[in-house]
Amino acid sequence: MAQSLSPREVFLELIHGVCEKRWDDVTGLYAEQTDVIHPLDPLRAPALLTRDELHQHFTRAGEVLGDISFEPVVVAIHETADPEVVVGEFEYRGSFPGTGEPFARPGIFVIRVRDGQIISSRDYADHLGMARLLGRLDELVAALA
C-alpha cells in the first residue's frame, strides 16, 4: 500500500497542478466530502463541499484562464501545531499570451489534509485583482450590483 502524501506535499501538488492545468489530478487531491471556502470572494460563493463541485470549479477556472500560463513562486509552507494543517503562501506569476504583459497573483491556502486528501481549505486569493487582469472587472462589478 502506497503511503499518503503529507499536507506539505499535497499543497505543492495543488499549486503546481493548477499551474499545469491538470484539473483531474487537482480534483483528486480533495476528499469526496470536503469544505473549501474562498473568504475573500466578493460574490461570497457558497462552500465547495464535494469533489464533484471542485471538479466543476476547476473546469470553469480552466475555461476562464484559457491559454494563460503561470507558475508558483515565492512559495513558503508553514507547519502548525496540528499535523494535519499547513499554511501555504505563494504567488502565481505569468504573462498574457499575445501581449506578454506580466502578472502576479498572491495567495494563501490554509489546508487540512487527512490520509493524503484535503478535507478542508480556506483559500485566500485576490479575486478583484484577478478579475482586473482577465478583463472581467466590469462583469464582477455588475454581479455585485
N, C-alpha and C. Protein backbone atom coordinates (compact mmCIF):
# COMPACT_ATOMS: atom_id res chain seq x y z
N MET A 1 0.85 -1.18 0.00
CA MET A 1 0.00 0.00 0.00
C MET A 1 0.89 1.24 0.00
N ALA A 2 0.60 2.18 -0.90
CA ALA A 2 1.39 3.40 -1.02
C ALA A 2 1.10 4.33 0.15
N GLN A 3 2.14 5.03 0.57
CA GLN A 3 2.00 5.98 1.67
C GLN A 3 1.29 7.24 1.17
N SER A 4 0.40 7.80 1.99
CA SER A 4 -0.32 9.02 1.64
C SER A 4 0.63 10.20 1.59
N LEU A 5 0.28 11.17 0.78
CA LEU A 5 1.06 12.41 0.73
C LEU A 5 0.87 13.18 2.02
N SER A 6 1.91 13.87 2.44
CA SER A 6 1.84 14.73 3.63
C SER A 6 1.09 16.01 3.25
N PRO A 7 0.62 16.77 4.24
CA PRO A 7 -0.03 18.05 3.93
C PRO A 7 0.88 18.97 3.09
N ARG A 8 2.15 19.01 3.39
CA ARG A 8 3.11 19.81 2.62
C ARG A 8 3.14 19.35 1.15
N GLU A 9 3.21 18.05 0.95
CA GLU A 9 3.26 17.50 -0.41
C GLU A 9 1.95 17.76 -1.16
N VAL A 10 0.83 17.66 -0.46
CA VAL A 10 -0.46 17.92 -1.09
C VAL A 10 -0.54 19.38 -1.53
N PHE A 11 -0.11 20.30 -0.67
CA PHE A 11 -0.12 21.71 -1.04
C PHE A 11 0.71 21.95 -2.30
N LEU A 12 1.91 21.39 -2.35
CA LEU A 12 2.77 21.57 -3.52
C LEU A 12 2.15 20.97 -4.78
N GLU A 13 1.54 19.78 -4.65
CA GLU A 13 0.85 19.18 -5.79
C GLU A 13 -0.29 20.07 -6.26
N LEU A 14 -1.00 20.67 -5.32
CA LEU A 14 -2.13 21.53 -5.65
C LEU A 14 -1.69 22.75 -6.46
N ILE A 15 -0.73 23.51 -5.95
CA ILE A 15 -0.36 24.74 -6.66
C ILE A 15 0.33 24.46 -8.00
N HIS A 16 1.10 23.39 -8.06
CA HIS A 16 1.73 23.04 -9.34
C HIS A 16 0.70 22.47 -10.32
N GLY A 17 -0.23 21.67 -9.82
CA GLY A 17 -1.27 21.11 -10.67
C GLY A 17 -2.16 22.18 -11.28
N VAL A 18 -2.46 23.23 -10.50
CA VAL A 18 -3.25 24.35 -11.03
C VAL A 18 -2.47 25.02 -12.16
N CYS A 19 -1.20 25.28 -11.95
CA CYS A 19 -0.39 25.94 -12.99
C CYS A 19 -0.29 25.09 -14.25
N GLU A 20 -0.23 23.79 -14.07
CA GLU A 20 -0.12 22.88 -15.21
C GLU A 20 -1.48 22.50 -15.78
N LYS A 21 -2.54 23.03 -15.16
CA LYS A 21 -3.92 22.80 -15.59
C LYS A 21 -4.27 21.32 -15.65
N ARG A 22 -3.78 20.59 -14.65
CA ARG A 22 -4.10 19.15 -14.52
C ARG A 22 -5.33 19.03 -13.62
N TRP A 23 -6.48 19.41 -14.17
CA TRP A 23 -7.69 19.55 -13.35
C TRP A 23 -8.13 18.24 -12.71
N ASP A 24 -8.01 17.13 -13.41
CA ASP A 24 -8.42 15.84 -12.80
C ASP A 24 -7.49 15.49 -11.64
N ASP A 25 -6.19 15.71 -11.81
CA ASP A 25 -5.24 15.43 -10.73
C ASP A 25 -5.51 16.33 -9.52
N VAL A 26 -5.75 17.61 -9.81
CA VAL A 26 -6.00 18.57 -8.72
C VAL A 26 -7.27 18.17 -7.97
N THR A 27 -8.31 17.85 -8.71
CA THR A 27 -9.57 17.46 -8.07
C THR A 27 -9.35 16.23 -7.19
N GLY A 28 -8.52 15.30 -7.63
CA GLY A 28 -8.24 14.09 -6.87
C GLY A 28 -7.50 14.32 -5.57
N LEU A 29 -6.98 15.52 -5.35
CA LEU A 29 -6.32 15.84 -4.09
C LEU A 29 -7.32 16.07 -2.96
N TYR A 30 -8.59 16.23 -3.31
CA TYR A 30 -9.62 16.53 -2.32
C TYR A 30 -10.39 15.27 -1.95
N ALA A 31 -10.83 15.21 -0.71
CA ALA A 31 -11.68 14.10 -0.26
C ALA A 31 -13.05 14.20 -0.94
N GLU A 32 -13.78 13.09 -0.98
CA GLU A 32 -15.13 13.11 -1.57
C GLU A 32 -15.99 14.17 -0.90
N GLN A 33 -15.93 14.24 0.41
CA GLN A 33 -16.64 15.25 1.18
C GLN A 33 -15.59 16.20 1.75
N THR A 34 -15.68 17.46 1.40
CA THR A 34 -14.68 18.43 1.81
C THR A 34 -15.37 19.73 2.16
N ASP A 35 -14.61 20.75 2.47
CA ASP A 35 -15.17 22.05 2.83
C ASP A 35 -14.18 23.12 2.39
N VAL A 36 -14.41 23.67 1.20
CA VAL A 36 -13.49 24.65 0.63
C VAL A 36 -14.20 25.99 0.54
N ILE A 37 -13.61 26.99 1.17
CA ILE A 37 -14.20 28.33 1.20
C ILE A 37 -13.17 29.33 0.68
N HIS A 38 -13.66 30.31 -0.07
CA HIS A 38 -12.84 31.42 -0.55
C HIS A 38 -13.31 32.67 0.20
N PRO A 39 -12.76 32.94 1.39
CA PRO A 39 -13.26 34.03 2.24
C PRO A 39 -13.20 35.42 1.60
N LEU A 40 -12.31 35.65 0.65
CA LEU A 40 -12.20 36.97 0.04
C LEU A 40 -13.01 37.11 -1.24
N ASP A 41 -13.78 36.09 -1.61
CA ASP A 41 -14.60 36.15 -2.82
C ASP A 41 -15.64 37.25 -2.64
N PRO A 42 -15.59 38.29 -3.48
CA PRO A 42 -16.56 39.38 -3.32
C PRO A 42 -18.00 38.95 -3.55
N LEU A 43 -18.21 37.85 -4.28
CA LEU A 43 -19.57 37.34 -4.52
C LEU A 43 -20.04 36.39 -3.42
N ARG A 44 -19.14 36.06 -2.49
CA ARG A 44 -19.47 35.19 -1.36
C ARG A 44 -20.09 33.87 -1.82
N ALA A 45 -19.43 33.24 -2.77
CA ALA A 45 -19.91 31.94 -3.27
C ALA A 45 -19.98 30.95 -2.11
N PRO A 46 -20.92 30.03 -2.16
CA PRO A 46 -21.02 29.04 -1.09
C PRO A 46 -19.80 28.11 -1.08
N ALA A 47 -19.61 27.45 0.03
CA ALA A 47 -18.51 26.49 0.16
C ALA A 47 -18.66 25.40 -0.89
N LEU A 48 -17.51 24.90 -1.34
CA LEU A 48 -17.48 23.73 -2.23
C LEU A 48 -17.36 22.52 -1.31
N LEU A 49 -18.36 21.64 -1.34
CA LEU A 49 -18.46 20.58 -0.33
C LEU A 49 -18.20 19.17 -0.85
N THR A 50 -18.08 19.02 -2.17
CA THR A 50 -17.85 17.69 -2.72
C THR A 50 -16.76 17.75 -3.78
N ARG A 51 -16.19 16.61 -4.06
CA ARG A 51 -15.18 16.52 -5.11
C ARG A 51 -15.78 16.92 -6.46
N ASP A 52 -17.03 16.56 -6.70
CA ASP A 52 -17.69 16.93 -7.95
C ASP A 52 -17.81 18.45 -8.08
N GLU A 53 -18.19 19.13 -7.00
CA GLU A 53 -18.26 20.60 -7.05
C GLU A 53 -16.88 21.20 -7.33
N LEU A 54 -15.86 20.62 -6.77
CA LEU A 54 -14.50 21.11 -7.03
C LEU A 54 -14.09 20.86 -8.48
N HIS A 55 -14.48 19.71 -9.02
CA HIS A 55 -14.18 19.44 -10.43
C HIS A 55 -14.82 20.51 -11.32
N GLN A 56 -16.07 20.84 -11.04
CA GLN A 56 -16.76 21.89 -11.80
C GLN A 56 -16.05 23.23 -11.63
N HIS A 57 -15.63 23.54 -10.41
CA HIS A 57 -14.92 24.79 -10.11
C HIS A 57 -13.63 24.88 -10.93
N PHE A 58 -12.85 23.80 -10.94
CA PHE A 58 -11.58 23.81 -11.67
C PHE A 58 -11.80 23.83 -13.18
N THR A 59 -12.85 23.16 -13.65
CA THR A 59 -13.16 23.18 -15.08
C THR A 59 -13.47 24.61 -15.53
N ARG A 60 -14.28 25.33 -14.73
CA ARG A 60 -14.59 26.73 -15.05
C ARG A 60 -13.33 27.58 -15.02
N ALA A 61 -12.48 27.33 -14.03
CA ALA A 61 -11.22 28.09 -13.94
C ALA A 61 -10.39 27.88 -15.20
N GLY A 62 -10.33 26.65 -15.67
CA GLY A 62 -9.58 26.36 -16.89
C GLY A 62 -10.14 27.10 -18.09
N GLU A 63 -11.46 27.21 -18.17
CA GLU A 63 -12.09 27.94 -19.27
C GLU A 63 -11.75 29.42 -19.19
N VAL A 64 -11.79 29.98 -17.99
CA VAL A 64 -11.51 31.40 -17.79
C VAL A 64 -10.04 31.71 -18.07
N LEU A 65 -9.15 30.84 -17.63
CA LEU A 65 -7.72 31.08 -17.81
C LEU A 65 -7.26 30.90 -19.25
N GLY A 66 -7.94 30.05 -19.99
CA GLY A 66 -7.57 29.84 -21.39
C GLY A 66 -6.11 29.47 -21.55
N ASP A 67 -5.41 30.21 -22.40
CA ASP A 67 -4.00 29.92 -22.72
C ASP A 67 -3.01 30.61 -21.80
N ILE A 68 -3.50 31.29 -20.77
CA ILE A 68 -2.59 31.98 -19.85
C ILE A 68 -1.73 30.94 -19.14
N SER A 69 -0.43 31.18 -19.11
CA SER A 69 0.45 30.27 -18.39
C SER A 69 1.07 31.01 -17.21
N PHE A 70 1.33 30.26 -16.14
CA PHE A 70 1.87 30.84 -14.92
C PHE A 70 2.54 29.76 -14.11
N GLU A 71 3.28 30.17 -13.09
CA GLU A 71 3.96 29.22 -12.23
C GLU A 71 3.95 29.72 -10.80
N PRO A 72 4.05 28.80 -9.84
CA PRO A 72 4.10 29.23 -8.44
C PRO A 72 5.52 29.65 -8.08
N VAL A 73 5.65 30.80 -7.45
CA VAL A 73 6.94 31.29 -6.98
C VAL A 73 6.76 31.84 -5.57
N VAL A 74 7.84 32.16 -4.94
CA VAL A 74 7.83 32.70 -3.58
C VAL A 74 6.96 31.80 -2.69
N VAL A 75 7.23 30.52 -2.73
CA VAL A 75 6.43 29.53 -2.00
C VAL A 75 7.01 29.35 -0.60
N ALA A 76 6.14 29.46 0.39
CA ALA A 76 6.52 29.21 1.78
C ALA A 76 5.43 28.35 2.41
N ILE A 77 5.84 27.30 3.08
CA ILE A 77 4.88 26.40 3.74
C ILE A 77 5.17 26.42 5.23
N HIS A 78 4.13 26.74 5.99
CA HIS A 78 4.25 26.84 7.43
C HIS A 78 3.48 25.68 8.07
N GLU A 79 4.19 24.87 8.82
CA GLU A 79 3.53 23.79 9.54
C GLU A 79 2.95 24.36 10.82
N THR A 80 1.92 23.72 11.32
CA THR A 80 1.23 24.20 12.52
C THR A 80 1.32 23.16 13.62
N ALA A 81 0.79 23.49 14.78
CA ALA A 81 0.77 22.55 15.90
C ALA A 81 -0.10 21.34 15.57
N ASP A 82 -1.04 21.52 14.65
CA ASP A 82 -1.90 20.43 14.20
C ASP A 82 -1.22 19.77 13.00
N PRO A 83 -0.83 18.50 13.09
CA PRO A 83 -0.09 17.86 12.00
C PRO A 83 -0.88 17.73 10.69
N GLU A 84 -2.19 17.91 10.73
CA GLU A 84 -3.00 17.84 9.51
C GLU A 84 -3.05 19.16 8.76
N VAL A 85 -2.63 20.25 9.40
CA VAL A 85 -2.83 21.59 8.84
C VAL A 85 -1.51 22.24 8.46
N VAL A 86 -1.49 22.80 7.23
CA VAL A 86 -0.38 23.65 6.81
C VAL A 86 -0.96 24.94 6.25
N VAL A 87 -0.15 25.99 6.34
CA VAL A 87 -0.48 27.28 5.73
C VAL A 87 0.53 27.47 4.62
N GLY A 88 0.04 27.57 3.41
CA GLY A 88 0.92 27.74 2.26
C GLY A 88 0.75 29.11 1.64
N GLU A 89 1.87 29.83 1.54
CA GLU A 89 1.89 31.14 0.88
C GLU A 89 2.58 30.96 -0.46
N PHE A 90 2.09 31.69 -1.46
CA PHE A 90 2.69 31.58 -2.79
C PHE A 90 2.27 32.78 -3.61
N GLU A 91 2.86 32.85 -4.78
CA GLU A 91 2.45 33.84 -5.77
C GLU A 91 2.47 33.15 -7.12
N TYR A 92 1.37 33.28 -7.86
CA TYR A 92 1.35 32.80 -9.23
C TYR A 92 1.86 33.94 -10.11
N ARG A 93 2.90 33.67 -10.89
CA ARG A 93 3.43 34.66 -11.83
C ARG A 93 3.37 34.11 -13.23
N GLY A 94 3.02 34.98 -14.15
CA GLY A 94 2.95 34.57 -15.54
C GLY A 94 2.87 35.76 -16.45
N SER A 95 2.47 35.49 -17.69
CA SER A 95 2.28 36.56 -18.66
C SER A 95 1.14 36.19 -19.59
N PHE A 96 0.52 37.22 -20.15
CA PHE A 96 -0.62 37.01 -21.04
C PHE A 96 -0.15 36.65 -22.43
N PRO A 97 -0.82 35.66 -23.05
CA PRO A 97 -0.48 35.31 -24.43
C PRO A 97 -0.70 36.53 -25.34
N GLY A 98 0.11 36.65 -26.32
CA GLY A 98 -0.05 37.75 -27.26
C GLY A 98 0.68 39.01 -26.83
N THR A 99 0.30 39.56 -25.67
CA THR A 99 0.90 40.82 -25.22
C THR A 99 2.17 40.60 -24.42
N GLY A 100 2.27 39.47 -23.74
CA GLY A 100 3.42 39.22 -22.88
C GLY A 100 3.37 40.01 -21.59
N GLU A 101 2.25 40.71 -21.34
CA GLU A 101 2.12 41.50 -20.12
C GLU A 101 2.24 40.58 -18.90
N PRO A 102 3.17 40.90 -18.00
CA PRO A 102 3.35 40.05 -16.81
C PRO A 102 2.26 40.30 -15.77
N PHE A 103 2.04 39.31 -14.94
CA PHE A 103 1.13 39.47 -13.81
C PHE A 103 1.64 38.65 -12.64
N ALA A 104 1.17 39.02 -11.46
CA ALA A 104 1.46 38.27 -10.24
C ALA A 104 0.17 38.22 -9.42
N ARG A 105 -0.15 37.06 -8.89
CA ARG A 105 -1.36 36.87 -8.09
C ARG A 105 -0.98 36.16 -6.80
N PRO A 106 -0.98 36.87 -5.67
CA PRO A 106 -0.62 36.24 -4.41
C PRO A 106 -1.75 35.37 -3.86
N GLY A 107 -1.40 34.42 -3.03
CA GLY A 107 -2.41 33.59 -2.40
C GLY A 107 -1.90 32.94 -1.13
N ILE A 108 -2.82 32.60 -0.28
CA ILE A 108 -2.54 31.85 0.95
C ILE A 108 -3.62 30.80 1.09
N PHE A 109 -3.22 29.54 1.23
CA PHE A 109 -4.16 28.45 1.46
C PHE A 109 -3.89 27.88 2.85
N VAL A 110 -4.94 27.70 3.61
CA VAL A 110 -4.87 27.00 4.88
C VAL A 110 -5.61 25.69 4.66
N ILE A 111 -4.84 24.59 4.59
CA ILE A 111 -5.46 23.32 4.24
C ILE A 111 -5.30 22.29 5.36
N ARG A 112 -6.33 21.47 5.47
CA ARG A 112 -6.31 20.33 6.39
C ARG A 112 -6.34 19.08 5.53
N VAL A 113 -5.31 18.25 5.72
CA VAL A 113 -5.14 17.04 4.92
C VAL A 113 -5.20 15.82 5.85
N ARG A 114 -6.05 14.89 5.46
CA ARG A 114 -6.16 13.63 6.21
C ARG A 114 -6.06 12.49 5.21
N ASP A 115 -5.19 11.53 5.51
CA ASP A 115 -4.98 10.38 4.63
C ASP A 115 -4.66 10.82 3.19
N GLY A 116 -3.88 11.90 3.08
CA GLY A 116 -3.41 12.36 1.77
C GLY A 116 -4.41 13.15 0.96
N GLN A 117 -5.57 13.51 1.55
CA GLN A 117 -6.58 14.27 0.82
C GLN A 117 -7.02 15.49 1.61
N ILE A 118 -7.33 16.54 0.89
CA ILE A 118 -7.77 17.78 1.52
C ILE A 118 -9.20 17.60 2.01
N ILE A 119 -9.39 17.77 3.33
CA ILE A 119 -10.74 17.68 3.86
C ILE A 119 -11.33 19.06 4.14
N SER A 120 -10.45 20.07 4.22
CA SER A 120 -10.94 21.44 4.30
C SER A 120 -9.85 22.39 3.85
N SER A 121 -10.29 23.53 3.33
CA SER A 121 -9.34 24.53 2.86
C SER A 121 -9.97 25.91 2.92
N ARG A 122 -9.17 26.86 3.29
CA ARG A 122 -9.54 28.27 3.23
C ARG A 122 -8.55 28.90 2.27
N ASP A 123 -9.06 29.32 1.12
CA ASP A 123 -8.20 29.82 0.04
C ASP A 123 -8.35 31.33 -0.06
N TYR A 124 -7.30 32.03 0.35
CA TYR A 124 -7.29 33.49 0.33
C TYR A 124 -6.57 33.95 -0.93
N ALA A 125 -7.35 34.53 -1.85
CA ALA A 125 -6.80 34.95 -3.14
C ALA A 125 -7.34 36.34 -3.48
N ASP A 126 -6.65 37.02 -4.37
CA ASP A 126 -7.02 38.36 -4.81
C ASP A 126 -8.00 38.26 -5.98
N HIS A 127 -9.27 38.08 -5.66
CA HIS A 127 -10.30 37.93 -6.69
C HIS A 127 -10.47 39.20 -7.53
N LEU A 128 -10.42 40.35 -6.89
CA LEU A 128 -10.59 41.60 -7.63
C LEU A 128 -9.43 41.83 -8.59
N GLY A 129 -8.22 41.58 -8.11
CA GLY A 129 -7.05 41.72 -8.97
C GLY A 129 -7.09 40.77 -10.15
N MET A 130 -7.53 39.55 -9.91
CA MET A 130 -7.60 38.57 -11.00
C MET A 130 -8.67 38.97 -12.01
N ALA A 131 -9.82 39.46 -11.53
CA ALA A 131 -10.87 39.92 -12.45
C ALA A 131 -10.33 41.06 -13.31
N ARG A 132 -9.58 41.95 -12.72
CA ARG A 132 -8.98 43.05 -13.48
C ARG A 132 -8.02 42.52 -14.53
N LEU A 133 -7.14 41.60 -14.12
CA LEU A 133 -6.16 41.04 -15.05
C LEU A 133 -6.82 40.32 -16.22
N LEU A 134 -7.94 39.67 -15.96
CA LEU A 134 -8.62 38.90 -17.00
C LEU A 134 -9.60 39.74 -17.83
N GLY A 135 -9.66 41.06 -17.51
CA GLY A 135 -10.59 41.92 -18.23
C GLY A 135 -12.03 41.65 -17.87
N ARG A 136 -12.28 41.17 -16.66
CA ARG A 136 -13.63 40.82 -16.23
C ARG A 136 -14.11 41.65 -15.06
N LEU A 137 -13.44 42.77 -14.80
CA LEU A 137 -13.81 43.61 -13.66
C LEU A 137 -15.21 44.17 -13.80
N ASP A 138 -15.58 44.64 -15.01
CA ASP A 138 -16.94 45.17 -15.23
C ASP A 138 -17.99 44.10 -14.96
N GLU A 139 -17.71 42.87 -15.38
CA GLU A 139 -18.62 41.75 -15.16
C GLU A 139 -18.79 41.50 -13.66
N LEU A 140 -17.68 41.56 -12.92
CA LEU A 140 -17.75 41.35 -11.47
C LEU A 140 -18.53 42.47 -10.79
N VAL A 141 -18.26 43.69 -11.16
CA VAL A 141 -18.98 44.84 -10.58
C VAL A 141 -20.47 44.72 -10.86
N ALA A 142 -20.83 44.34 -12.08
CA ALA A 142 -22.24 44.17 -12.42
C ALA A 142 -22.88 43.08 -11.55
N ALA A 143 -22.16 42.00 -11.31
CA ALA A 143 -22.70 40.92 -10.48
C ALA A 143 -22.87 41.36 -9.04
N LEU A 144 -22.04 42.29 -8.59
CA LEU A 144 -22.15 42.80 -7.23
C LEU A 144 -23.29 43.80 -7.06
N ALA A 145 -23.70 44.43 -8.16
CA ALA A 145 -24.72 45.49 -8.10
C ALA A 145 -26.11 44.93 -7.81
